[in-house]
C-alpha atoms as a PDB file:
ATOM      1  CA  MET A   1       0.000   0.000   0.000  1.00  0.00           C
ATOM      2  CA  LYS A   2       2.753   2.443   1.002  1.00  0.00           C
ATOM      3  CA  ASP A   3       4.647   1.793  -2.254  1.00  0.00           C
ATOM      4  CA  HIS A   4       1.455   2.343  -4.238  1.00  0.00           C
ATOM      5  CA  VAL A   5       0.828   5.725  -2.552  1.00  0.00           C
ATOM      6  CA  LYS A   6       4.480   6.771  -3.072  1.00  0.00           C
ATOM      7  CA  ARG A   7       4.298   5.829  -6.752  1.00  0.00           C
ATOM      8  CA  ILE A   8       1.142   7.926  -7.209  1.00  0.00           C
ATOM      9  CA  LEU A   9       2.638  10.894  -5.333  1.00  0.00           C
ATOM     10  CA  HIS A  10       5.829  10.890  -7.373  1.00  0.00           C
ATOM     11  CA  THR A  11       4.071  10.669 -10.733  1.00  0.00           C
ATOM     12  CA  PHE A  12       1.709  13.540  -9.890  1.00  0.00           C
ATOM     13  CA  PRO A  13       3.047  16.570 -11.848  1.00  0.00           C
ATOM     14  CA  GLY A  14       2.491  19.105  -9.056  1.00  0.00           C
ATOM     15  CA  HIS A  15       3.938  17.118  -6.174  1.00  0.00           C
ATOM     16  CA  GLN A  16       6.825  19.547  -5.567  1.00  0.00           C
ATOM     17  CA  THR A  17       4.303  22.383  -5.090  1.00  0.00           C
ATOM     18  CA  VAL A  18       2.269  20.250  -2.685  1.00  0.00           C
ATOM     19  CA  PHE A  19       5.447  19.414  -0.735  1.00  0.00           C
ATOM     20  CA  ARG A  20       6.327  23.126  -0.495  1.00  0.00           C
ATOM     21  CA  MET A  21       2.915  23.769   1.076  1.00  0.00           C
ATOM     22  CA  LEU A  22       3.289  20.795   3.436  1.00  0.00           C
ATOM     23  CA  ARG A  23       6.664  22.165   4.557  1.00  0.00           C
ATOM     24  CA  ASN A  24       4.766  24.896   6.426  1.00  0.00           C
ATOM     25  CA  VAL A  25       2.701  22.408   8.437  1.00  0.00           C
ATOM     26  CA  PRO A  26       4.085  22.458  11.993  1.00  0.00           C
ATOM     27  CA  GLY A  27       5.053  19.126  13.483  1.00  0.00           C
ATOM     28  CA  LEU A  28       4.948  17.137  10.242  1.00  0.00           C
ATOM     29  CA  PRO A  29       6.349  13.748  11.323  1.00  0.00           C
ATOM     30  CA  GLU A  30       9.721  12.701   9.943  1.00  0.00           C
ATOM     31  CA  GLY A  31       8.242   9.286   9.230  1.00  0.00           C
ATOM     32  CA  LEU A  32       6.053  11.014   6.638  1.00  0.00           C
ATOM     33  CA  TRP A  33       8.273  13.676   5.055  1.00  0.00           C
ATOM     34  CA  LYS A  34      11.288  11.393   4.637  1.00  0.00           C
ATOM     35  CA  HIS A  35       9.262   9.549   1.977  1.00  0.00           C
ATOM     36  CA  LEU A  36       8.171  12.751   0.224  1.00  0.00           C
ATOM     37  CA  TYR A  37      11.023  13.505  -2.132  1.00  0.00           C
ATOM     38  CA  PHE A  38      11.247  14.840  -5.657  1.00  0.00           C
ATOM     39  CA  GLU A  39      13.733  15.695  -8.370  1.00  0.00           C
ATOM     40  CA  GLY A  40      14.209  19.330  -9.295  1.00  0.00           C
ATOM     41  CA  GLU A  41      15.501  22.629  -8.005  1.00  0.00           C
ATOM     42  CA  PHE A  42      14.409  24.490  -4.890  1.00  0.00           C
ATOM     43  CA  LEU A  43      15.471  27.623  -3.054  1.00  0.00           C
ATOM     44  CA  VAL A  44      17.258  27.207   0.260  1.00  0.00           C
ATOM     45  CA  PRO A  45      16.939  30.202   2.611  1.00  0.00           C
ATOM     46  CA  ILE A  46      20.033  31.047   4.627  1.00  0.00           C
ATOM     47  CA  GLU A  47      20.085  34.190   6.774  1.00  0.00           C
ATOM     48  CA  ASN A  48      18.834  36.946   4.438  1.00  0.00           C
ATOM     49  CA  HIS A  49      19.867  35.128   1.237  1.00  0.00           C
ATOM     50  CA  THR A  50      18.826  32.099  -0.769  1.00  0.00           C
ATOM     51  CA  PHE A  51      20.614  29.709  -3.079  1.00  0.00           C
ATOM     52  CA  LEU A  52      19.358  27.170  -5.572  1.00  0.00           C
ATOM     53  CA  LEU A  53      19.877  23.497  -4.777  1.00  0.00           C
ATOM     54  CA  ARG A  54      19.262  20.616  -7.160  1.00  0.00           C
ATOM     55  CA  HIS A  55      17.272  17.838  -5.471  1.00  0.00           C
ATOM     56  CA  SER A  56      18.195  14.451  -6.917  1.00  0.00           C
ATOM     57  CA  GLY A  57      15.751  12.497  -4.785  1.00  0.00           C
ATOM     58  CA  HIS A  58      18.405  11.624  -2.191  1.00  0.00           C
ATOM     59  CA  ARG A  59      18.296  11.832   1.582  1.00  0.00           C
ATOM     60  CA  VAL A  60      20.631  14.832   1.956  1.00  0.00           C
ATOM     61  CA  GLU A  61      18.645  17.136  -0.322  1.00  0.00           C
ATOM     62  CA  ASN A  62      15.400  15.871   1.179  1.00  0.00           C
ATOM     63  CA  GLU A  63      16.465  16.697   4.734  1.00  0.00           C
ATOM     64  CA  ILE A  64      17.617  20.164   3.642  1.00  0.00           C
ATOM     65  CA  PHE A  65      14.300  20.707   1.834  1.00  0.00           C
ATOM     66  CA  TRP A  66      12.182  19.699   4.841  1.00  0.00           C
ATOM     67  CA  LYS A  67      14.303  20.867   7.803  1.00  0.00           C
ATOM     68  CA  GLY A  68      16.411  23.698   6.367  1.00  0.00           C
ATOM     69  CA  ILE A  69      20.118  24.074   5.736  1.00  0.00           C
ATOM     70  CA  PHE A  70      21.075  23.810   9.420  1.00  0.00           C
ATOM     71  CA  GLY A  71      18.133  21.665  10.490  1.00  0.00           C
ATOM     72  CA  GLN A  72      19.288  18.083  10.467  1.00  0.00           C
ATOM     73  CA  TRP A  73      21.862  16.733   8.018  1.00  0.00           C
ATOM     74  CA  GLU A  74      25.458  17.687   8.938  1.00  0.00           C
ATOM     75  CA  ALA A  75      24.289  20.881  10.636  1.00  0.00           C
ATOM     76  CA  HIS A  76      27.681  21.639  12.211  1.00  0.00           C
ATOM     77  CA  SER A  77      29.609  21.051   8.948  1.00  0.00           C
ATOM     78  CA  LEU A  78      27.165  23.216   7.021  1.00  0.00           C
ATOM     79  CA  ARG A  79      27.570  26.037   9.544  1.00  0.00           C
ATOM     80  CA  ILE A  80      31.341  25.888   8.921  1.00  0.00           C
ATOM     81  CA  TRP A  81      30.717  25.863   5.157  1.00  0.00           C
ATOM     82  CA  PHE A  82      28.463  28.900   5.477  1.00  0.00           C
ATOM     83  CA  TYR A  83      30.997  30.771   7.614  1.00  0.00           C
ATOM     84  CA  LEU A  84      33.728  30.095   5.036  1.00  0.00           C
ATOM     85  CA  ALA A  85      31.502  30.932   2.073  1.00  0.00           C
ATOM     86  CA  LYS A  86      30.030  34.095   3.582  1.00  0.00           C
ATOM     87  CA  ASN A  87      32.757  36.514   2.488  1.00  0.00           C
ATOM     88  CA  ARG A  88      34.134  34.655  -0.504  1.00  0.00           C
ATOM     89  CA  THR A  89      33.645  35.099  -4.208  1.00  0.00           C
ATOM     90  CA  ALA A  90      33.750  31.351  -4.751  1.00  0.00           C
ATOM     91  CA  LEU A  91      33.895  28.268  -2.579  1.00  0.00           C
ATOM     92  CA  LEU A  92      34.611  24.861  -4.037  1.00  0.00           C
ATOM     93  CA  THR A  93      34.060  21.650  -2.147  1.00  0.00           C
ATOM     94  CA  SER A  94      35.214  18.169  -2.956  1.00  0.00           C
ATOM     95  CA  GLU A  95      33.116  15.170  -1.964  1.00  0.00           C
ATOM     96  CA  GLN A  96      36.036  12.783  -2.400  1.00  0.00           C
ATOM     97  CA  THR A  97      38.522  14.632  -0.195  1.00  0.00           C
ATOM     98  CA  ARG A  98      36.097  16.612   1.986  1.00  0.00           C
ATOM     99  CA  GLU A  99      38.118  19.795   1.374  1.00  0.00           C
ATOM    100  CA  PHE A 100      37.024  23.421   1.220  1.00  0.00           C
ATOM    101  CA  ILE A 101      38.842  25.761  -1.177  1.00  0.00           C
ATOM    102  CA  ALA A 102      37.980  29.451  -0.802  1.00  0.00           C
ATOM    103  CA  PHE A 103      38.802  32.272  -3.255  1.00  0.00           C
END
């Protein structure tokens, strides 16, 4: 049953819009939103700015979508990334080496 509902949700063309509305529902259980993922771009608010993030349907992007940039996944590491990126023209990161390179 759960797989059937997920399949319907993910084939519905407006599901990203529905998820954006659901994001404002207080106390939405993690057991529900962790299954509500999509593929596409979304804006991530951070202080008084936003940046565009590409959601590939993976856990990391999903947690950032539902809980915010500092909400759940690697919150401490992302705070360091934000501090480093704040006054830089460019910041490159490497997944393989876990390095930050600031310009």
